[in-house]
Amino acid sequence: MSECTHDCSTCGESCQERQEPQSLLKEAHSDSHIGKVYGIVSGKGGVGKSMVTSQLAVTMQRRGFRAGILDADITGPSIPKAFGIHERAESDGQALLPAVTKTGIEIMSTNLLLEHETDPVIWRGPVISGVVQQFWTDVIWNVDYLFVDMPPGTGDVSLSVFQSIPLDGIIIVASPQELVGMVVEKAVKMAEMMEVPILGLVENMSYVACPDCGKKIYLFGEGKTAQAAARHNLKLLAQMPIDPALAALTDAGSIEDFQGDWLNAAANAVEGK
């Protein structure tokens, strides 16, 4: 037996000094007070993940909880615009302070750090992953529920979030098309590999409600999300319609004024009901 170098990663021996792999989870800022943390995930872009994140935060705030959004979609941040936040984030000299919306929701996003909110973020993956981690470690949060608006897909930034932020669970967002059903399974399998609980699935853009009779018109056909949920024994938490009024509120930065209750079941799952 060769002399021990105490580097267990290169050693095949089994001994008392052998160390388990260290956790990659990061500690939140020491002044933060954070309850539960949930990631909002999509297998691809353009399915309304940020919309679901925003509405969940608004719903929990209306229920009397303190909600916050960590915008981890660094290169495509849309959360500040939805809430009408345009000012830059502030610092107390030791840490970053999240912006606060008109109803009290805390937000941290790349757009709050840029000189001009329309400036592109042209960074490589490791830098982006580092910024996401700093939104967790260097921001002082005071929330009961923190929602992480994840970047689309299953790439290195998503992996960094799974590994560095202690998620209590995730909600997967999808649209009705057949292709997205396959993409949903990729997101599900990634969460299972990372051993993160999945609260359920939300299908966005499921239908349009006729303004005259209220009949549901399925523009993309009946969604396949329910089938994907059943294959993995997951709950289908919501089927959200295409709502022009909601889109207009988002464009105006007034997402907090929306009146839909489509995500009540998802909010119940977040509360553990």
Protein backbone atom coordinates (compact mmCIF):
# COMPACT_ATOMS: atom_id res chain seq x y z
CA MET A 1 0.00 0.00 0.00
CA SER A 2 1.45 3.36 -1.02
CA GLU A 3 1.84 6.30 1.35
CA CYS A 4 -1.41 8.24 1.91
CA THR A 5 -1.53 11.67 0.27
CA HIS A 6 -4.90 12.53 1.89
CA ASP A 7 -6.28 13.26 -1.57
CA CYS A 8 -9.27 10.91 -1.60
CA SER A 9 -10.32 11.95 -5.11
CA THR A 10 -7.35 10.09 -6.65
CA CYS A 11 -7.37 7.11 -4.32
CA GLY A 12 -9.15 3.79 -4.74
CA GLU A 13 -8.44 2.51 -1.24
CA SER A 14 -11.07 2.27 1.48
CA CYS A 15 -9.82 3.50 4.83
CA GLN A 16 -10.97 5.30 7.96
CA GLU A 17 -9.62 8.62 6.75
CA ARG A 18 -11.53 8.50 3.48
CA GLN A 19 -13.69 11.62 3.16
CA GLU A 20 -17.12 11.95 1.61
CA PRO A 21 -17.49 14.46 -1.24
CA GLN A 22 -18.12 17.92 0.18
CA SER A 23 -21.41 19.67 -0.43
CA LEU A 24 -21.38 22.49 -2.99
CA LEU A 25 -24.26 24.32 -1.28
CA LYS A 26 -23.56 27.95 -0.44
CA GLU A 27 -24.60 29.76 2.71
CA ALA A 28 -27.00 32.66 2.33
CA HIS A 29 -25.88 36.03 3.67
CA SER A 30 -25.65 36.00 7.45
CA ASP A 31 -28.22 38.81 7.72
CA SER A 32 -30.74 37.09 5.46
CA HIS A 33 -33.94 35.56 6.76
CA ILE A 34 -35.22 33.05 4.21
CA GLY A 35 -37.98 30.51 4.66
CA LYS A 36 -38.56 28.14 1.74
CA VAL A 37 -36.80 28.32 -1.62
CA TYR A 38 -38.43 27.07 -4.83
CA GLY A 39 -37.02 27.00 -8.34
CA ILE A 40 -39.26 27.66 -11.34
CA VAL A 41 -37.84 25.56 -14.18
CA SER A 42 -38.47 25.06 -17.88
CA GLY A 43 -36.82 22.68 -20.30
CA LYS A 44 -36.76 25.39 -22.97
CA GLY A 45 -37.28 29.12 -23.32
CA GLY A 46 -40.44 30.96 -24.26
CA VAL A 47 -42.94 28.90 -22.24
CA GLY A 48 -43.77 31.57 -19.64
CA LYS A 49 -41.49 30.57 -16.77
CA SER A 50 -40.97 34.17 -15.64
CA MET A 51 -44.71 34.81 -15.87
CA VAL A 52 -45.40 31.87 -13.56
CA THR A 53 -42.65 32.99 -11.18
CA SER A 54 -44.10 36.50 -11.01
CA GLN A 55 -47.66 35.32 -10.44
CA LEU A 56 -46.61 32.87 -7.73
CA ALA A 57 -44.76 35.63 -5.87
CA VAL A 58 -47.79 37.93 -6.18
CA THR A 59 -50.12 35.16 -4.98
CA MET A 60 -48.02 34.36 -1.91
CA GLN A 61 -47.72 38.07 -1.08
CA ARG A 62 -51.51 38.38 -1.25
CA ARG A 63 -51.80 35.47 1.17
CA GLY A 64 -49.91 37.48 3.76
CA PHE A 65 -46.43 36.04 3.26
CA ARG A 66 -43.24 37.90 2.37
CA ALA A 67 -42.21 36.84 -1.13
CA GLY A 68 -39.05 37.41 -3.16
CA ILE A 69 -37.71 36.59 -6.61
CA LEU A 70 -34.09 35.74 -7.39
CA ASP A 71 -33.84 36.23 -11.15
CA ALA A 72 -31.30 33.61 -12.19
CA ASP A 73 -32.02 34.11 -15.89
CA ILE A 74 -28.97 36.34 -16.16
CA THR A 75 -28.89 36.88 -19.93
CA GLY A 76 -32.66 37.24 -20.33
CA PRO A 77 -33.92 38.99 -17.20
CA SER A 78 -37.57 39.98 -17.45
CA ILE A 79 -38.72 40.08 -13.83
CA PRO A 80 -37.98 43.79 -13.16
CA LYS A 81 -39.98 44.90 -16.21
CA ALA A 82 -43.00 42.85 -15.16
CA PHE A 83 -43.03 44.67 -11.81
CA GLY A 84 -42.17 48.11 -13.19
CA ILE A 85 -38.78 48.21 -11.44
CA HIS A 86 -36.22 50.31 -13.31
CA GLU A 87 -33.89 51.71 -10.64
CA ARG A 88 -30.54 50.12 -9.84
CA ALA A 89 -29.99 47.89 -6.81
CA GLU A 90 -28.49 49.50 -3.74
CA SER A 91 -25.80 48.40 -1.29
CA ASP A 92 -25.24 49.06 2.39
CA GLY A 93 -21.49 48.77 1.88
CA GLN A 94 -21.43 45.13 2.95
CA ALA A 95 -24.13 43.50 0.85
CA LEU A 96 -26.64 44.11 -1.93
CA LEU A 97 -30.19 45.08 -1.04
CA PRO A 98 -33.02 43.77 -3.22
CA ALA A 99 -35.39 46.15 -4.94
CA VAL A 100 -38.89 46.19 -3.44
CA THR A 101 -42.08 46.34 -5.50
CA LYS A 102 -45.16 48.38 -4.64
CA THR A 103 -46.69 45.47 -2.72
CA GLY A 104 -43.45 44.55 -0.94
CA ILE A 105 -42.02 41.75 -3.09
CA GLU A 106 -38.21 41.64 -2.99
CA ILE A 107 -36.38 41.31 -6.32
CA MET A 108 -32.77 40.87 -7.40
CA SER A 109 -31.91 40.73 -11.09
CA THR A 110 -29.04 41.49 -13.44
CA ASN A 111 -31.02 44.40 -14.87
CA LEU A 112 -30.79 46.09 -11.48
CA LEU A 113 -26.99 46.11 -11.75
CA LEU A 114 -26.56 47.35 -15.32
CA GLU A 115 -26.03 51.03 -16.14
CA HIS A 116 -28.73 50.73 -18.80
CA GLU A 117 -31.35 47.98 -18.48
CA THR A 118 -31.18 47.34 -22.24
CA ASP A 119 -27.43 46.61 -22.12
CA PRO A 120 -26.72 43.00 -23.19
CA VAL A 121 -25.05 40.61 -20.78
CA ILE A 122 -22.19 39.10 -22.78
CA TRP A 123 -20.59 36.83 -20.20
CA ARG A 124 -19.32 33.29 -20.31
CA GLY A 125 -20.99 30.50 -18.36
CA PRO A 126 -18.70 30.45 -15.30
CA VAL A 127 -19.16 34.20 -14.78
CA ILE A 128 -22.94 33.89 -15.08
CA SER A 129 -22.97 31.01 -12.60
CA GLY A 130 -20.91 33.11 -10.19
CA VAL A 131 -23.38 35.98 -10.39
CA VAL A 132 -26.27 33.64 -9.61
CA GLN A 133 -24.44 32.39 -6.54
CA GLN A 134 -23.76 35.97 -5.45
CA PHE A 135 -27.47 36.76 -5.68
CA TRP A 136 -27.82 34.08 -2.99
CA THR A 137 -24.74 34.79 -0.85
CA ASP A 138 -24.32 38.58 -1.17
CA VAL A 139 -27.94 39.79 -1.07
CA ILE A 140 -29.79 40.37 2.19
CA TRP A 141 -33.18 38.68 1.79
CA ASN A 142 -36.06 38.91 4.26
CA VAL A 143 -38.68 36.56 2.84
CA ASP A 144 -40.88 33.62 3.76
CA TYR A 145 -40.78 32.29 0.19
CA LEU A 146 -38.01 32.92 -2.32
CA PHE A 147 -38.70 31.94 -5.92
CA VAL A 148 -35.72 31.37 -8.22
CA ASP A 149 -36.55 32.18 -11.84
CA MET A 150 -34.22 29.66 -13.46
CA PRO A 151 -32.62 30.01 -16.89
CA PRO A 152 -34.21 27.76 -19.53
CA GLY A 153 -32.78 24.34 -20.26
CA THR A 154 -30.50 22.01 -18.32
CA GLY A 155 -27.14 23.72 -18.88
CA ASP A 156 -24.35 24.78 -16.57
CA VAL A 157 -26.20 27.71 -14.97
CA SER A 158 -29.16 25.54 -14.04
CA LEU A 159 -26.75 22.95 -12.68
CA SER A 160 -25.03 25.65 -10.63
CA VAL A 161 -28.34 26.69 -9.09
CA PHE A 162 -29.23 23.09 -8.21
CA GLN A 163 -25.82 22.54 -6.62
CA SER A 164 -25.26 25.85 -4.82
CA ILE A 165 -28.72 26.94 -3.62
CA PRO A 166 -30.61 24.69 -1.16
CA LEU A 167 -33.88 24.32 -3.07
CA ASP A 168 -36.87 22.96 -1.19
CA GLY A 169 -38.42 21.98 -4.50
CA ILE A 170 -39.13 23.02 -8.06
CA ILE A 171 -42.12 23.67 -10.29
CA ILE A 172 -41.73 22.85 -13.98
CA VAL A 173 -43.39 25.08 -16.58
CA ALA A 174 -44.29 23.86 -20.08
CA SER A 175 -46.45 24.76 -23.06
CA PRO A 176 -48.87 22.30 -24.72
CA GLN A 177 -46.95 21.24 -27.82
CA GLU A 178 -45.86 17.62 -28.27
CA LEU A 179 -42.20 18.62 -28.49
CA VAL A 180 -42.36 20.33 -25.13
CA GLY A 181 -43.60 17.10 -23.58
CA MET A 182 -40.20 15.62 -24.37
CA VAL A 183 -38.44 18.71 -23.04
CA VAL A 184 -40.43 18.46 -19.81
CA GLU A 185 -39.04 14.99 -19.25
CA LYS A 186 -35.49 16.33 -19.52
CA ALA A 187 -36.19 18.84 -16.76
CA VAL A 188 -37.88 16.17 -14.64
CA LYS A 189 -34.95 13.80 -15.02
CA MET A 190 -32.45 16.54 -14.16
CA ALA A 191 -34.32 17.30 -10.94
CA GLU A 192 -34.46 13.61 -10.09
CA MET A 193 -30.71 13.25 -10.71
CA MET A 194 -30.05 16.25 -8.43
CA GLU A 195 -32.47 14.80 -5.82
CA VAL A 196 -34.62 17.93 -5.71
CA PRO A 197 -38.35 17.39 -5.03
CA ILE A 198 -40.77 18.34 -7.82
CA LEU A 199 -43.98 19.97 -6.62
CA GLY A 200 -45.64 19.52 -9.99
CA LEU A 201 -46.11 20.89 -13.48
CA VAL A 202 -47.73 24.08 -14.75
CA GLU A 203 -48.93 24.18 -18.34
CA ASN A 204 -48.92 27.71 -19.77
CA MET A 205 -50.70 28.93 -22.93
CA SER A 206 -53.10 26.00 -22.59
CA TYR A 207 -56.12 27.67 -24.17
CA VAL A 208 -57.94 30.90 -24.99
CA ALA A 209 -61.27 31.58 -23.32
CA CYS A 210 -63.91 32.91 -25.71
CA PRO A 211 -64.83 36.44 -24.54
CA ASP A 212 -68.49 35.86 -25.41
CA CYS A 213 -69.34 32.36 -24.17
CA GLY A 214 -66.28 31.41 -22.10
CA LYS A 215 -65.61 28.24 -24.11
CA LYS A 216 -62.02 27.07 -23.98
CA ILE A 217 -60.31 27.05 -27.37
CA TYR A 218 -57.16 24.92 -27.47
CA LEU A 219 -55.03 26.70 -30.08
CA PHE A 220 -52.23 24.13 -29.88
CA GLY A 221 -54.48 21.15 -29.30
CA GLU A 222 -55.01 19.44 -25.98
CA GLY A 223 -51.82 19.67 -23.95
CA LYS A 224 -49.53 16.71 -23.37
CA THR A 225 -48.33 18.03 -20.00
CA ALA A 226 -50.88 15.95 -18.09
CA GLN A 227 -49.53 12.81 -19.73
CA ALA A 228 -45.97 13.80 -18.87
CA ALA A 229 -47.05 14.43 -15.28
CA ALA A 230 -48.76 11.05 -15.05
CA ARG A 231 -45.67 9.23 -16.33
CA HIS A 232 -43.67 10.62 -13.42
CA ASN A 233 -46.47 10.50 -10.84
CA LEU A 234 -46.50 14.28 -10.60
CA LYS A 235 -49.39 16.70 -10.14
CA LEU A 236 -50.57 18.99 -12.93
CA LEU A 237 -50.89 22.12 -10.80
CA ALA A 238 -52.38 24.51 -13.35
CA GLN A 239 -53.41 25.03 -16.95
CA MET A 240 -52.99 28.74 -17.62
CA PRO A 241 -54.76 30.44 -20.53
CA ILE A 242 -53.43 32.95 -23.01
CA ASP A 243 -54.81 36.16 -21.51
CA PRO A 244 -54.29 39.44 -23.41
CA ALA A 245 -55.16 41.43 -20.29
CA LEU A 246 -52.39 39.71 -18.32
CA ALA A 247 -49.91 40.34 -21.14
CA ALA A 248 -50.85 44.03 -21.15
CA LEU A 249 -50.33 44.28 -17.38
CA THR A 250 -46.92 42.67 -17.70
CA ASP A 251 -45.86 45.02 -20.48
CA ALA A 252 -46.99 47.95 -18.33
CA GLY A 253 -45.02 46.74 -15.30
CA SER A 254 -48.22 46.08 -13.37
CA ILE A 255 -48.16 42.31 -12.90
CA GLU A 256 -49.24 42.84 -9.28
CA ASP A 257 -52.65 44.00 -10.52
CA PHE A 258 -53.57 40.69 -12.21
CA GLN A 259 -56.77 39.03 -10.98
CA GLY A 260 -56.46 35.42 -12.22
CA ASP A 261 -56.51 32.54 -9.73
CA TRP A 262 -54.99 29.90 -12.03
CA LEU A 263 -52.03 29.28 -9.74
CA ASN A 264 -53.94 28.74 -6.50
CA ALA A 265 -53.20 24.99 -6.56
CA ALA A 266 -49.51 25.71 -7.18
CA ALA A 267 -49.49 28.18 -4.29
CA ASN A 268 -51.14 25.55 -2.08
CA ALA A 269 -48.35 23.12 -3.03
CA VAL A 270 -45.77 25.77 -2.09
CA GLU A 271 -47.47 26.18 1.30
CA GLY A 272 -47.52 22.43 1.74
CA LYS A 273 -51.32 22.22 1.78
